[in-house]
């Protein structure tokens, strides 16, 4: 009797791009626009290096404009010296500046044995079944890395930028209607970005906060383009529910994003997918293993990764040089309103 093995149905050149495509389709963050696949970062991942510098030009400074004149005999003391005539009265050109963001490579991998996939292999399309499970896994891990990176950025913002991304109403104890979620509180959080608040398109909320939003009748539902699914919205912003957001002892984060707030680079590992057999595993019964690897760069726009990560890149943890650490990040954009992100901190019952 012939035995169908993982190696018989997983063709790496087909499986790898299929999983990547499904991962992007299944990620609500990518669908919402808060995490945008970026060809420049993806191209950088195709080369060598752990850190990638992404230069950008600063906006023009709001210097005082000149009043035009037809005079040819005025004196500019500061520029030519006291009493020195400036026959043409030339205006002095201003200059622009640059900011350098720094993105970091994330090299991640995981492995699954055939015993874990036994139920899936009984389906009519085993390869699609395996791919969908792996894609779901990577979509969750992508979201976890996204949350870790932004949480590290938040910690840096609180430590070094006076917490100007946030509106924290959590206080020391729960008070109904004061410390919990409200439309006014979220709008005040968005207002930290000034007149850029209208660029926000996404609210990322914990399920407890989302429940409060629904209880307060703050959620509208609109059908998707095919009329099959109702999309939750708040003041026109899409609402995505994720229990991976920071929360502890009744205090919850709610995050607001504008489109393109985070850039995603997707690279190609040297061997992205492979299968192999462990003949001695299971006391000699044998075991098949599917290995899958990804290369990502998750970059909060306007910031630089300043940690010293291992060659495989930082993990999602809170330790030194990890994504979820204040010392790993620094804001390099000069204006707070250039950052399409805001944070609301509430205490819920």
Protein backbone atom coordinates (compact mmCIF):
# COMPACT_ATOMS: atom_id res chain seq x y z
CA UNK A 1 0.00 0.00 0.00
CA UNK A 2 1.51 3.32 -1.06
CA UNK A 3 1.98 6.03 1.59
CA UNK A 4 1.51 9.66 0.60
CA UNK A 5 4.11 11.76 2.42
CA UNK A 6 4.47 15.50 2.92
CA UNK A 7 7.37 15.54 0.47
CA UNK A 8 5.05 14.08 -2.17
CA UNK A 9 2.58 16.96 -1.98
CA UNK A 10 4.68 19.98 -0.94
CA UNK A 11 6.60 21.44 -3.85
CA UNK A 12 8.74 24.25 -2.36
CA UNK A 13 8.70 26.45 -5.47
CA UNK A 14 4.90 26.36 -5.40
CA UNK A 15 4.31 26.13 -1.66
CA UNK A 16 6.46 29.10 -0.59
CA UNK A 17 4.86 31.85 -2.71
CA UNK A 18 1.42 30.35 -2.09
CA UNK A 19 1.89 30.57 1.68
CA UNK A 20 3.22 34.12 1.42
CA UNK A 21 0.27 35.19 -0.68
CA UNK A 22 -2.19 33.62 1.74
CA UNK A 23 -0.40 35.20 4.71
CA UNK A 24 -0.88 38.64 3.23
CA UNK A 25 -4.51 37.91 2.39
CA UNK A 26 -5.24 36.67 5.91
CA UNK A 27 -3.57 39.57 7.72
CA UNK A 28 -6.22 42.09 8.68
CA UNK A 29 -3.46 44.63 9.29
CA UNK A 30 -2.34 44.44 5.67
CA UNK A 31 -5.95 44.55 4.48
CA UNK A 32 -6.58 47.63 6.61
CA UNK A 33 -3.58 49.51 5.20
CA UNK A 34 -1.81 50.00 8.55
CA UNK A 35 0.87 47.57 7.37
CA UNK A 36 1.82 48.24 3.74
CA UNK A 37 3.99 45.91 1.67
CA UNK A 38 6.91 48.04 0.51
CA UNK A 39 8.98 47.18 -2.55
CA UNK A 40 11.98 49.20 -1.36
CA UNK A 41 12.27 47.30 1.92
CA UNK A 42 11.66 44.01 0.14
CA UNK A 43 14.49 44.86 -2.24
CA UNK A 44 16.81 45.60 0.67
CA UNK A 45 16.02 42.22 2.21
CA UNK A 46 17.10 40.61 -1.05
CA UNK A 47 20.63 41.85 -0.37
CA UNK A 48 22.86 41.46 2.65
CA UNK A 49 22.81 43.19 5.99
CA UNK A 50 20.81 43.25 9.19
CA UNK A 51 20.00 46.99 9.33
CA UNK A 52 18.83 49.15 6.43
CA UNK A 53 19.03 52.93 6.30
CA UNK A 54 16.01 54.60 4.70
CA UNK A 55 16.78 58.31 4.11
CA UNK A 56 14.05 60.87 3.54
CA UNK A 57 13.91 64.63 3.10
CA UNK A 58 12.49 66.77 5.87
CA UNK A 59 9.74 69.24 5.11
CA UNK A 60 10.79 72.82 4.45
CA UNK A 61 11.21 74.83 7.65
CA UNK A 62 8.52 77.43 8.32
CA UNK A 63 10.93 80.36 7.97
CA UNK A 64 9.68 83.90 7.48
CA UNK A 65 9.14 84.74 3.84
CA UNK A 66 10.84 87.71 2.17
CA UNK A 67 9.14 90.93 1.15
CA UNK A 68 10.11 91.73 -2.42
CA UNK A 69 11.80 95.07 -3.18
CA UNK A 70 13.38 96.93 -6.07
CA UNK A 71 16.01 98.62 -3.88
CA UNK A 72 19.69 98.20 -4.82
CA UNK A 73 21.36 100.12 -1.98
CA UNK A 74 20.16 98.51 1.25
CA UNK A 75 22.63 97.12 3.74
CA UNK A 76 22.47 93.62 5.22
CA UNK A 77 24.55 93.91 8.36
CA UNK A 78 24.41 90.28 9.42
CA UNK A 79 25.62 88.90 6.12
CA UNK A 80 28.16 91.42 4.82
CA UNK A 81 29.37 93.14 7.95
CA UNK A 82 28.39 96.46 9.52
CA UNK A 83 28.22 99.30 6.99
CA UNK A 84 28.99 97.10 3.99
CA UNK A 85 26.60 97.85 1.12
CA UNK A 86 24.79 95.00 -0.61
CA UNK A 87 24.11 96.49 -4.03
CA UNK A 88 21.74 93.74 -5.17
CA UNK A 89 20.05 92.90 -1.86
CA UNK A 90 20.19 89.17 -2.63
CA UNK A 91 17.84 86.95 -0.68
CA UNK A 92 19.57 84.20 1.23
CA UNK A 93 18.52 80.69 0.11
CA UNK A 94 17.36 78.29 2.78
CA UNK A 95 18.24 74.63 2.83
CA UNK A 96 16.41 71.40 3.47
CA UNK A 97 17.49 68.52 5.68
CA UNK A 98 17.23 64.77 5.83
CA UNK A 99 16.09 62.15 8.30
CA UNK A 100 17.43 58.61 8.34
CA UNK A 101 15.10 55.85 9.38
CA UNK A 102 16.59 52.47 10.17
CA UNK A 103 14.75 49.22 9.49
CA UNK A 104 15.82 45.81 10.78
CA UNK A 105 15.71 42.33 9.25
CA UNK A 106 13.56 39.70 10.97
CA UNK A 107 14.60 36.14 10.09
CA UNK A 108 12.01 33.73 11.48
CA UNK A 109 11.29 30.02 11.08
CA UNK A 110 9.15 27.19 12.38
CA UNK A 111 8.68 23.47 11.78
CA UNK A 112 5.78 21.03 11.85
CA UNK A 113 5.76 17.26 12.00
CA UNK A 114 3.44 15.07 9.96
CA UNK A 115 1.69 13.83 13.09
CA UNK A 116 0.48 17.36 13.79
CA UNK A 117 -0.85 17.56 10.25
CA UNK A 118 -2.48 14.13 10.10
CA UNK A 119 -6.03 15.46 10.19
CA UNK A 120 -5.30 18.04 7.51
CA UNK A 121 -3.75 15.44 5.21
CA UNK A 122 -7.05 13.56 5.11
CA UNK A 123 -8.65 16.43 3.15
CA UNK A 124 -9.36 16.46 -0.55
CA UNK A 125 -6.56 18.94 -1.24
CA UNK A 126 -3.73 18.17 1.24
CA UNK A 127 -1.36 20.81 -0.10
CA UNK A 128 -3.95 23.58 0.19
CA UNK A 129 -4.84 22.37 3.66
CA UNK A 130 -1.21 22.46 4.82
CA UNK A 131 -0.61 25.84 3.18
CA UNK A 132 -3.67 27.38 4.79
CA UNK A 133 -2.58 26.25 8.23
CA UNK A 134 0.97 27.54 7.78
CA UNK A 135 -0.34 30.80 6.31
CA UNK A 136 -2.66 31.29 9.28
CA UNK A 137 0.27 30.74 11.61
CA UNK A 138 2.48 33.30 9.86
CA UNK A 139 -0.35 35.83 9.69
CA UNK A 140 -0.64 35.62 13.49
CA UNK A 141 3.12 35.88 13.95
CA UNK A 142 3.30 38.85 11.59
CA UNK A 143 0.65 40.57 13.68
CA UNK A 144 2.52 39.71 16.90
CA UNK A 145 5.75 41.23 15.55
CA UNK A 146 3.82 44.30 14.43
CA UNK A 147 2.38 44.77 17.94
CA UNK A 148 5.79 44.22 19.54
CA UNK A 149 7.49 46.80 17.31
CA UNK A 150 4.88 49.48 17.94
CA UNK A 151 4.84 48.75 21.65
CA UNK A 152 8.60 49.35 21.69
CA UNK A 153 8.04 52.62 19.82
CA UNK A 154 5.43 53.61 22.41
CA UNK A 155 7.84 52.92 25.26
CA UNK A 156 10.47 55.09 23.57
CA UNK A 157 7.87 57.81 23.02
CA UNK A 158 6.88 57.83 26.70
CA UNK A 159 10.52 57.83 27.82
CA UNK A 160 11.93 60.40 25.40
CA UNK A 161 9.14 62.39 23.72
CA UNK A 162 6.85 63.19 26.66
CA UNK A 163 4.36 60.56 25.48
CA UNK A 164 3.01 62.87 22.78
CA UNK A 165 1.43 59.95 20.89
CA UNK A 166 -1.05 59.17 23.62
CA UNK A 167 -4.10 60.09 25.65
CA UNK A 168 -3.99 58.14 28.92
CA UNK A 169 -7.21 58.30 30.93
CA UNK A 170 -6.71 55.04 32.83
CA UNK A 171 -6.05 56.76 36.21
CA UNK A 172 -5.53 54.64 39.32
CA UNK A 173 -8.92 52.97 39.57
CA UNK A 174 -11.92 52.28 37.38
CA UNK A 175 -14.56 55.02 37.22
CA UNK A 176 -17.47 54.37 34.89
CA UNK A 177 -17.72 56.98 32.16
CA UNK A 178 -14.36 58.47 33.11
CA UNK A 179 -11.60 55.89 32.67
CA UNK A 180 -13.25 53.64 30.09
CA UNK A 181 -13.45 53.97 26.33
CA UNK A 182 -15.44 56.82 24.83
CA UNK A 183 -15.64 58.55 21.48
CA UNK A 184 -14.32 61.75 23.06
CA UNK A 185 -11.30 59.96 24.53
CA UNK A 186 -10.34 58.40 21.19
CA UNK A 187 -10.77 61.68 19.36
CA UNK A 188 -8.52 63.35 21.93
CA UNK A 189 -5.92 60.66 21.27
CA UNK A 190 -6.15 61.32 17.53
CA UNK A 191 -5.86 65.05 18.24
CA UNK A 192 -2.29 64.52 19.45
CA UNK A 193 -1.47 64.45 15.72
CA UNK A 194 -3.03 67.90 15.24
CA UNK A 195 -4.44 68.57 11.81
CA UNK A 196 -3.07 65.23 10.62
CA UNK A 197 -5.76 63.45 12.64
CA UNK A 198 -7.95 63.23 9.55
CA UNK A 199 -5.40 60.83 8.03
CA UNK A 200 -6.25 58.09 10.53
CA UNK A 201 -8.05 55.14 8.94
CA UNK A 202 -7.82 52.26 11.42
CA UNK A 203 -8.64 51.58 15.07
CA UNK A 204 -6.93 48.52 16.57
CA UNK A 205 -8.74 47.49 19.76
CA UNK A 206 -8.77 44.68 22.32
CA UNK A 207 -11.99 42.66 22.42
CA UNK A 208 -12.84 44.10 25.87
CA UNK A 209 -12.58 47.64 24.49
CA UNK A 210 -14.47 46.62 21.36
CA UNK A 211 -17.27 45.31 23.56
CA UNK A 212 -17.41 48.70 25.31
CA UNK A 213 -17.60 50.42 21.93
CA UNK A 214 -20.53 48.22 20.95
CA UNK A 215 -22.30 48.74 24.29
CA UNK A 216 -21.97 52.49 23.78
CA UNK A 217 -23.41 52.11 20.27
CA UNK A 218 -20.27 53.60 18.72
CA UNK A 219 -19.77 50.99 15.98
CA UNK A 220 -21.25 51.22 12.50
CA UNK A 221 -21.21 48.29 10.12
CA UNK A 222 -20.77 48.66 6.38
CA UNK A 223 -20.78 45.82 3.82
CA UNK A 224 -17.59 44.88 2.05
CA UNK A 225 -17.24 45.28 -1.71
CA UNK A 226 -18.98 41.95 -2.29
CA UNK A 227 -21.76 42.58 0.21
CA UNK A 228 -20.91 39.41 2.14
CA UNK A 229 -19.22 40.70 5.28
CA UNK A 230 -20.07 43.69 7.44
CA UNK A 231 -16.98 45.72 8.36
CA UNK A 232 -16.94 47.41 11.76
CA UNK A 233 -16.17 51.12 11.60
CA UNK A 234 -15.80 53.99 14.07
CA UNK A 235 -16.24 57.49 12.64
CA UNK A 236 -15.34 56.07 9.23
CA UNK A 237 -12.24 54.26 10.51
CA UNK A 238 -12.07 50.49 10.20
CA UNK A 239 -12.03 48.65 13.53
CA UNK A 240 -9.79 45.57 13.88
CA UNK A 241 -10.02 43.50 17.05
CA UNK A 242 -6.82 41.95 18.38
CA UNK A 243 -6.33 40.58 21.90
CA UNK A 244 -2.57 40.78 21.39
CA UNK A 245 -2.65 44.50 22.19
CA UNK A 246 -0.98 45.52 25.47
CA UNK A 247 -3.24 45.04 28.47
CA UNK A 248 -2.73 44.38 32.16
CA UNK A 249 -4.86 44.59 35.32
CA UNK A 250 -7.83 46.10 33.51
CA UNK A 251 -5.80 48.70 31.57
CA UNK A 252 -6.03 48.45 27.77
CA UNK A 253 -4.33 50.03 24.78
CA UNK A 254 -6.30 51.15 21.73
CA UNK A 255 -4.21 52.14 18.73
CA UNK A 256 -5.11 54.42 15.81
CA UNK A 257 -3.25 54.32 12.49
CA UNK A 258 -3.15 56.10 9.18
CA UNK A 259 -2.54 54.30 5.92
CA UNK A 260 1.12 53.44 5.43
CA UNK A 261 2.03 53.97 9.09
CA UNK A 262 4.08 50.78 8.98
CA UNK A 263 6.14 49.48 6.08
CA UNK A 264 6.54 45.75 5.51
CA UNK A 265 9.42 44.25 3.60
CA UNK A 266 9.15 40.62 2.49
CA UNK A 267 12.33 38.79 1.57
CA UNK A 268 13.23 35.32 0.32
CA UNK A 269 15.23 33.01 2.61
CA UNK A 270 17.88 30.89 0.92
CA UNK A 271 15.76 27.79 1.58
CA UNK A 272 12.27 28.94 2.44
CA UNK A 273 10.60 25.52 2.50
CA UNK A 274 11.92 22.01 2.85
CA UNK A 275 10.76 18.61 4.04
CA UNK A 276 12.78 15.82 5.56
CA UNK A 277 12.31 12.53 7.35
CA UNK A 278 13.49 11.53 10.83
CA UNK A 279 13.64 7.72 10.64
CA UNK A 280 14.55 7.25 14.33
CA UNK A 281 11.85 9.52 15.73
CA UNK A 282 8.95 7.90 17.53
CA UNK A 283 11.21 5.09 18.72
CA UNK A 284 11.94 4.21 15.13
CA UNK A 285 8.44 4.69 13.83
CA UNK A 286 9.62 7.62 11.75
CA UNK A 287 8.46 11.16 11.38
CA UNK A 288 8.24 13.71 8.61
CA UNK A 289 8.92 17.39 9.19
CA UNK A 290 7.94 20.45 7.21
CA UNK A 291 10.21 23.48 7.70
CA UNK A 292 9.23 27.00 6.69
CA UNK A 293 11.20 30.24 6.94
CA UNK A 294 10.36 33.91 6.38
CA UNK A 295 12.31 37.16 6.03
CA UNK A 296 10.48 40.30 7.11
CA UNK A 297 11.18 43.88 8.00
CA UNK A 298 8.42 45.59 9.99
CA UNK A 299 9.20 49.27 10.10
CA UNK A 300 7.19 51.94 11.97
CA UNK A 301 7.54 54.93 9.66
CA UNK A 302 9.43 57.89 11.11
CA UNK A 303 11.52 55.79 13.48
CA UNK A 304 14.89 54.08 13.60
CA UNK A 305 15.72 50.73 15.11
CA UNK A 306 18.72 51.59 17.28
CA UNK A 307 19.18 48.30 19.12
CA UNK A 308 22.02 45.87 18.57
CA UNK A 309 20.23 42.76 17.40
CA UNK A 310 21.62 39.29 16.79
CA UNK A 311 22.20 38.24 13.20
CA UNK A 312 18.72 36.76 12.95
CA UNK A 313 17.21 40.07 13.99
CA UNK A 314 15.35 40.99 17.17
CA UNK A 315 12.66 38.86 18.74
CA UNK A 316 9.29 40.11 19.96
CA UNK A 317 10.31 40.28 23.62
CA UNK A 318 10.90 43.13 26.05
CA UNK A 319 14.56 42.44 26.75
CA UNK A 320 17.55 44.38 25.50
CA UNK A 321 17.64 44.82 21.70
CA UNK A 322 14.21 43.23 21.25
CA UNK A 323 11.32 44.78 19.33
CA UNK A 324 9.29 45.46 22.47
CA UNK A 325 11.91 47.62 24.20
CA UNK A 326 12.18 51.41 24.52
CA UNK A 327 15.93 51.43 23.95
CA UNK A 328 15.49 49.68 20.58
CA UNK A 329 13.73 52.65 18.93
CA UNK A 330 14.10 56.36 18.33
CA UNK A 331 11.87 58.82 16.51
CA UNK A 332 13.75 60.55 13.70
CA UNK A 333 10.96 62.54 12.04
CA UNK A 334 11.08 66.09 13.44
CA UNK A 335 7.33 66.61 13.89
CA UNK A 336 4.93 64.53 15.92
CA UNK A 337 2.14 65.09 13.38
CA UNK A 338 4.23 63.28 10.75
CA UNK A 339 3.69 60.04 12.66
CA UNK A 340 0.40 58.43 11.62
CA UNK A 341 -0.18 56.78 14.96
CA UNK A 342 -1.97 57.58 18.21
CA UNK A 343 -2.61 55.66 21.40
CA UNK A 344 -5.52 55.65 23.85
CA UNK A 345 -5.07 54.03 27.28
CA UNK A 346 -8.25 53.20 29.19
CA UNK A 347 -9.23 51.27 32.29
CA UNK A 348 -12.22 49.01 31.75
CA UNK A 349 -14.51 47.31 34.25
